[in-house]
N, C-alpha and C. Protein backbone atom coordinates (compact mmCIF):
# COMPACT_ATOMS: atom_id res chain seq x y z
N UNK A 1 19.06 261.08 -41.94
CA UNK A 1 18.67 259.58 -42.12
C UNK A 1 17.71 259.35 -40.84
N UNK A 2 16.72 258.25 -41.30
CA UNK A 2 15.84 258.01 -40.25
C UNK A 2 15.83 256.59 -40.12
N UNK A 3 15.86 256.01 -39.00
CA UNK A 3 15.91 254.67 -38.48
C UNK A 3 14.67 254.41 -38.00
N UNK A 4 13.54 253.64 -38.42
CA UNK A 4 12.23 253.53 -37.92
C UNK A 4 11.92 252.03 -37.71
N UNK A 5 11.39 251.67 -36.63
CA UNK A 5 10.85 250.42 -36.26
C UNK A 5 9.45 250.16 -36.85
N UNK A 6 9.32 249.52 -37.79
CA UNK A 6 7.78 249.25 -38.49
C UNK A 6 7.32 248.03 -37.60
N UNK A 7 5.87 247.99 -37.80
CA UNK A 7 4.93 248.66 -38.71
C UNK A 7 4.47 249.97 -38.23
N UNK A 8 4.69 250.33 -37.25
CA UNK A 8 4.32 251.72 -36.80
C UNK A 8 5.29 252.97 -37.06
N UNK A 9 6.33 252.57 -37.61
CA UNK A 9 7.44 253.49 -37.95
C UNK A 9 7.70 254.46 -36.73
N UNK A 10 8.16 253.79 -35.82
CA UNK A 10 8.77 254.12 -34.60
C UNK A 10 10.13 254.03 -34.61
N UNK A 11 10.87 255.11 -34.35
CA UNK A 11 12.61 254.73 -34.43
C UNK A 11 13.42 255.99 -34.23
N UNK A 12 14.36 256.19 -35.14
CA UNK A 12 15.44 257.14 -34.87
C UNK A 12 15.55 257.85 -35.99
N UNK A 13 16.04 259.21 -36.17
CA UNK A 13 16.23 260.08 -37.12
C UNK A 13 17.58 260.18 -37.23
N UNK A 14 18.11 260.05 -38.41
CA UNK A 14 19.68 260.21 -38.57
C UNK A 14 19.94 261.18 -39.66
N UNK A 15 20.87 262.18 -39.75
CA UNK A 15 20.70 263.27 -40.43
C UNK A 15 22.24 263.69 -40.78
N UNK A 16 22.81 264.41 -41.82
CA UNK A 16 24.30 264.75 -42.14
C UNK A 16 24.60 265.73 -40.88
N UNK A 17 24.73 266.99 -41.83
CA UNK A 17 25.06 268.01 -41.21
C UNK A 17 24.33 269.06 -40.21
N UNK A 18 24.61 269.59 -39.26
CA UNK A 18 23.62 269.96 -38.32
C UNK A 18 22.93 271.19 -38.65
N UNK A 19 22.87 272.06 -39.49
CA UNK A 19 22.09 272.83 -40.10
C UNK A 19 20.89 272.19 -40.69
N UNK A 20 21.60 271.17 -41.81
CA UNK A 20 20.99 270.51 -42.64
C UNK A 20 19.76 269.54 -41.74
N UNK A 21 20.37 269.09 -40.97
CA UNK A 21 19.35 267.98 -39.98
C UNK A 21 18.52 268.64 -39.23
N UNK A 22 18.77 270.03 -39.03
CA UNK A 22 17.60 270.61 -37.98
C UNK A 22 16.55 271.02 -38.93
N UNK A 23 16.84 271.66 -40.12
CA UNK A 23 15.78 272.03 -40.80
C UNK A 23 15.18 270.94 -41.61
N UNK A 24 15.87 269.86 -41.93
CA UNK A 24 15.29 268.73 -42.60
C UNK A 24 14.07 268.13 -41.53
N UNK A 25 14.51 267.88 -40.34
CA UNK A 25 13.93 267.53 -39.17
C UNK A 25 12.62 268.38 -39.22
N UNK A 26 12.89 269.69 -39.07
CA UNK A 26 11.61 270.67 -38.85
C UNK A 26 10.42 270.81 -40.11
N UNK A 27 10.94 270.23 -41.22
CA UNK A 27 10.36 270.24 -42.44
C UNK A 27 9.37 269.03 -42.55
N UNK A 28 10.07 268.04 -41.84
CA UNK A 28 8.80 266.81 -41.94
C UNK A 28 9.60 265.41 -41.68
N UNK A 29 9.00 264.66 -40.61
CA UNK A 29 9.58 263.35 -40.42
C UNK A 29 8.65 262.43 -40.27
N UNK A 30 8.76 261.22 -40.32
CA UNK A 30 7.81 260.13 -39.81
C UNK A 30 7.37 260.23 -38.45
N UNK A 31 5.90 260.46 -37.99
CA UNK A 31 5.55 260.54 -36.73
C UNK A 31 6.02 259.22 -35.99
N UNK A 32 6.90 259.43 -34.72
CA UNK A 32 7.05 258.36 -33.87
C UNK A 32 8.70 258.28 -33.97
N UNK A 33 9.15 258.89 -35.01
CA UNK A 33 10.62 258.79 -35.28
C UNK A 33 11.46 259.54 -34.37
N UNK A 34 12.56 259.41 -34.02
CA UNK A 34 13.59 260.06 -33.37
C UNK A 34 14.85 260.45 -33.86
N UNK A 35 15.36 261.63 -33.90
CA UNK A 35 16.38 262.27 -34.63
C UNK A 35 17.69 261.76 -34.07
N UNK A 36 18.72 261.15 -34.97
CA UNK A 36 19.93 260.64 -34.30
C UNK A 36 20.75 260.87 -35.73
N UNK A 37 21.95 261.25 -35.32
CA UNK A 37 23.10 261.66 -36.33
C UNK A 37 23.60 260.35 -37.15
N UNK A 38 23.80 260.06 -38.19
CA UNK A 38 24.36 258.91 -39.06
C UNK A 38 25.67 258.63 -38.31
N UNK A 39 26.51 259.56 -38.39
CA UNK A 39 27.91 259.32 -37.49
C UNK A 39 27.85 258.72 -36.17
N UNK A 40 26.73 258.81 -35.58
CA UNK A 40 26.70 258.24 -34.24
C UNK A 40 25.85 256.95 -34.37
N UNK A 41 25.52 256.68 -35.26
CA UNK A 41 24.78 255.28 -35.52
C UNK A 41 25.19 253.94 -34.95
N UNK A 42 26.60 253.58 -34.97
CA UNK A 42 27.33 252.79 -34.36
C UNK A 42 27.28 252.54 -32.85
N UNK A 43 27.43 253.63 -32.47
CA UNK A 43 26.99 253.86 -30.89
C UNK A 43 25.66 253.87 -30.39
N UNK A 44 24.92 254.19 -31.09
CA UNK A 44 23.35 254.34 -30.71
C UNK A 44 22.80 252.90 -31.16
N UNK A 45 23.27 251.76 -32.04
CA UNK A 45 22.56 250.71 -32.56
C UNK A 45 22.13 249.98 -31.34
N UNK A 46 22.96 249.94 -30.31
CA UNK A 46 22.40 249.00 -29.29
C UNK A 46 21.03 249.19 -28.73
N UNK A 47 20.40 250.48 -28.74
CA UNK A 47 19.24 250.56 -28.44
C UNK A 47 18.19 250.53 -29.42
N UNK A 48 18.61 249.81 -30.48
CA UNK A 48 17.56 249.56 -31.56
C UNK A 48 17.06 247.76 -31.25
N UNK A 49 15.80 247.74 -31.66
CA UNK A 49 15.22 246.13 -31.60
C UNK A 49 15.82 245.43 -32.84
N UNK A 50 16.22 244.36 -32.70
CA UNK A 50 16.93 243.51 -33.53
C UNK A 50 15.69 242.47 -33.84
N UNK A 51 14.52 242.67 -33.16
CA UNK A 51 13.39 241.98 -33.09
C UNK A 51 12.44 242.43 -34.18
N UNK A 52 12.47 243.52 -34.45
CA UNK A 52 11.50 244.17 -35.57
C UNK A 52 12.06 244.71 -36.83
N UNK A 53 11.39 244.76 -37.81
CA UNK A 53 12.02 245.43 -39.05
C UNK A 53 12.32 246.74 -38.94
N UNK A 54 13.32 247.57 -39.36
CA UNK A 54 13.68 248.75 -39.37
C UNK A 54 13.96 249.30 -40.95
N UNK A 55 13.25 250.63 -40.99
CA UNK A 55 13.48 251.26 -42.03
C UNK A 55 14.37 252.61 -41.91
N UNK A 56 15.13 252.55 -43.01
CA UNK A 56 15.95 253.77 -42.58
C UNK A 56 15.67 254.98 -43.95
N UNK A 57 15.65 256.36 -43.65
CA UNK A 57 15.59 257.27 -44.71
C UNK A 57 16.27 258.41 -44.11
N UNK A 58 16.31 259.50 -45.17
CA UNK A 58 16.99 260.94 -44.69
C UNK A 58 15.96 261.93 -45.49
N UNK A 59 16.62 263.01 -45.96
CA UNK A 59 15.86 263.90 -46.70
C UNK A 59 15.60 263.43 -48.25
N UNK A 60 16.91 262.92 -48.87
CA UNK A 60 16.67 262.31 -50.23
C UNK A 60 16.98 260.96 -50.56
N UNK A 61 17.57 260.21 -49.44
CA UNK A 61 17.82 258.96 -49.86
C UNK A 61 18.83 258.48 -49.83
N UNK A 62 20.09 259.17 -49.88
CA UNK A 62 21.44 258.78 -49.84
C UNK A 62 22.01 258.38 -48.47
N UNK A 63 21.70 259.25 -47.59
CA UNK A 63 22.21 258.98 -45.94
C UNK A 63 21.22 257.74 -45.81
N UNK A 64 20.02 257.54 -45.74
CA UNK A 64 19.43 256.56 -45.61
C UNK A 64 20.12 255.15 -46.11
N UNK A 65 20.20 255.27 -47.13
CA UNK A 65 21.11 253.89 -47.53
C UNK A 65 22.46 253.70 -46.86
N UNK A 66 23.06 254.61 -46.60
CA UNK A 66 24.14 254.52 -45.63
C UNK A 66 24.17 253.72 -44.68
N UNK A 67 22.91 254.46 -43.81
CA UNK A 67 22.49 254.03 -42.55
C UNK A 67 22.17 252.49 -42.66
N UNK A 68 21.27 252.09 -43.82
CA UNK A 68 21.00 250.70 -43.87
C UNK A 68 22.16 249.77 -43.94
N UNK A 69 23.31 250.05 -44.95
CA UNK A 69 24.31 249.49 -44.73
C UNK A 69 25.11 249.23 -43.63
N UNK A 70 25.17 250.28 -42.86
CA UNK A 70 25.88 250.04 -41.58
C UNK A 70 25.18 249.17 -40.52
N UNK A 71 23.80 249.31 -40.38
CA UNK A 71 23.00 248.55 -39.64
C UNK A 71 23.16 246.83 -40.09
N UNK A 72 23.12 246.70 -41.55
CA UNK A 72 23.42 245.42 -41.68
C UNK A 72 24.82 244.74 -41.76
N UNK A 73 25.76 245.51 -41.82
CA UNK A 73 27.06 245.20 -41.14
C UNK A 73 27.20 244.96 -39.74
N UNK A 74 26.47 245.57 -39.26
CA UNK A 74 26.51 245.35 -37.83
C UNK A 74 25.62 244.10 -37.13
N UNK A 75 24.99 243.40 -38.18
CA UNK A 75 24.06 242.13 -37.91
C UNK A 75 22.61 242.43 -37.89
N UNK A 76 22.31 243.83 -38.09
CA UNK A 76 20.71 243.79 -38.20
C UNK A 76 20.41 242.93 -39.44
N UNK A 77 19.20 242.48 -39.29
CA UNK A 77 19.00 241.35 -40.69
C UNK A 77 17.63 241.87 -41.22
N UNK A 78 16.85 242.54 -40.62
CA UNK A 78 15.62 243.35 -41.40
C UNK A 78 15.55 244.52 -41.42
N UNK A 79 16.36 244.92 -42.49
CA UNK A 79 16.45 246.56 -42.73
C UNK A 79 16.09 246.91 -44.10
N UNK A 80 15.52 248.12 -44.02
CA UNK A 80 14.74 248.45 -45.38
C UNK A 80 15.16 250.03 -45.31
N UNK A 81 15.44 250.62 -46.80
CA UNK A 81 15.83 251.75 -47.16
C UNK A 81 14.45 252.52 -47.78
N UNK A 82 14.11 253.88 -47.05
CA UNK A 82 12.97 254.24 -47.89
C UNK A 82 13.55 255.04 -49.17
N UNK A 83 13.49 254.37 -50.37
CA UNK A 83 14.13 254.99 -51.40
C UNK A 83 13.23 256.58 -51.61
N UNK A 84 14.44 257.19 -51.88
CA UNK A 84 13.85 258.75 -52.11
C UNK A 84 13.88 259.65 -50.77
N UNK A 85 13.87 258.96 -49.84
CA UNK A 85 13.83 259.68 -48.46
C UNK A 85 12.59 260.25 -48.20
N UNK A 86 12.58 261.39 -47.23
CA UNK A 86 11.32 261.67 -46.68
C UNK A 86 10.68 262.53 -48.02
N UNK A 87 11.48 263.15 -48.83
CA UNK A 87 10.74 263.86 -49.91
C UNK A 87 10.11 262.76 -50.77
N UNK A 88 10.24 261.95 -51.10
CA UNK A 88 9.54 260.78 -51.47
C UNK A 88 8.31 260.22 -50.92
N UNK A 89 8.78 260.18 -49.72
CA UNK A 89 7.68 259.58 -48.66
C UNK A 89 6.42 260.79 -48.61
N UNK A 90 6.67 262.22 -48.72
CA UNK A 90 5.75 262.86 -48.52
C UNK A 90 5.07 263.06 -49.97
N UNK A 91 5.85 263.16 -51.03
CA UNK A 91 5.11 263.38 -52.49
C UNK A 91 4.38 262.29 -52.60
N UNK A 92 4.37 261.16 -51.96
CA UNK A 92 3.28 260.06 -52.27
C UNK A 92 2.21 260.43 -51.33
N UNK A 93 2.09 261.38 -50.82
CA UNK A 93 0.99 261.63 -49.62
C UNK A 93 1.04 260.90 -48.38
N UNK A 94 2.22 260.18 -48.08
CA UNK A 94 2.14 259.64 -46.61
C UNK A 94 2.37 260.63 -45.68
N UNK A 95 1.89 260.37 -44.47
CA UNK A 95 1.82 261.36 -43.49
C UNK A 95 3.04 261.81 -42.95
N UNK A 96 3.38 262.94 -42.41
CA UNK A 96 4.78 263.15 -41.99
C UNK A 96 4.22 264.37 -40.67
N UNK A 97 5.27 264.34 -39.94
CA UNK A 97 4.81 265.20 -38.90
C UNK A 97 6.19 266.46 -38.94
N UNK A 98 5.73 267.90 -38.93
CA UNK A 98 6.70 268.94 -38.55
C UNK A 98 6.96 269.27 -37.41
N UNK A 99 8.23 269.63 -36.90
CA UNK A 99 8.48 270.14 -35.83
C UNK A 99 8.49 271.32 -35.48
N UNK A 100 7.61 271.95 -34.63
CA UNK A 100 7.52 273.63 -34.51
C UNK A 100 9.05 274.16 -34.25
N UNK A 101 9.17 275.26 -34.90
CA UNK A 101 10.32 275.96 -34.87
C UNK A 101 10.54 276.57 -33.35
N UNK A 102 11.84 276.42 -32.94
CA UNK A 102 12.11 277.00 -31.74
C UNK A 102 12.55 278.34 -31.75
N UNK A 103 12.30 279.30 -30.95
CA UNK A 103 12.79 280.65 -30.78
C UNK A 103 14.06 280.84 -30.40
């Protein structure tokens, strides 16, 4: 899942399982995003701005919704989930950045 401070979509990326997360991130993410695991979201949330809107996403949308729910329960008020995840984002032609594979 990806947490992004809009309007420039800068923030944190949150994903599920280590291999999936790494592959998902390498295949494409919103530029300026930073990868953070959803299971660490409660601990990492202190570093997020409460003064800006935040959008969440993941590979297909489920974990993005979970992340948005967690943030709302923690008192964040301006939270959005990118429906369909990065897959839907890219299918609409929105820009994404691929991470170079490490050897």
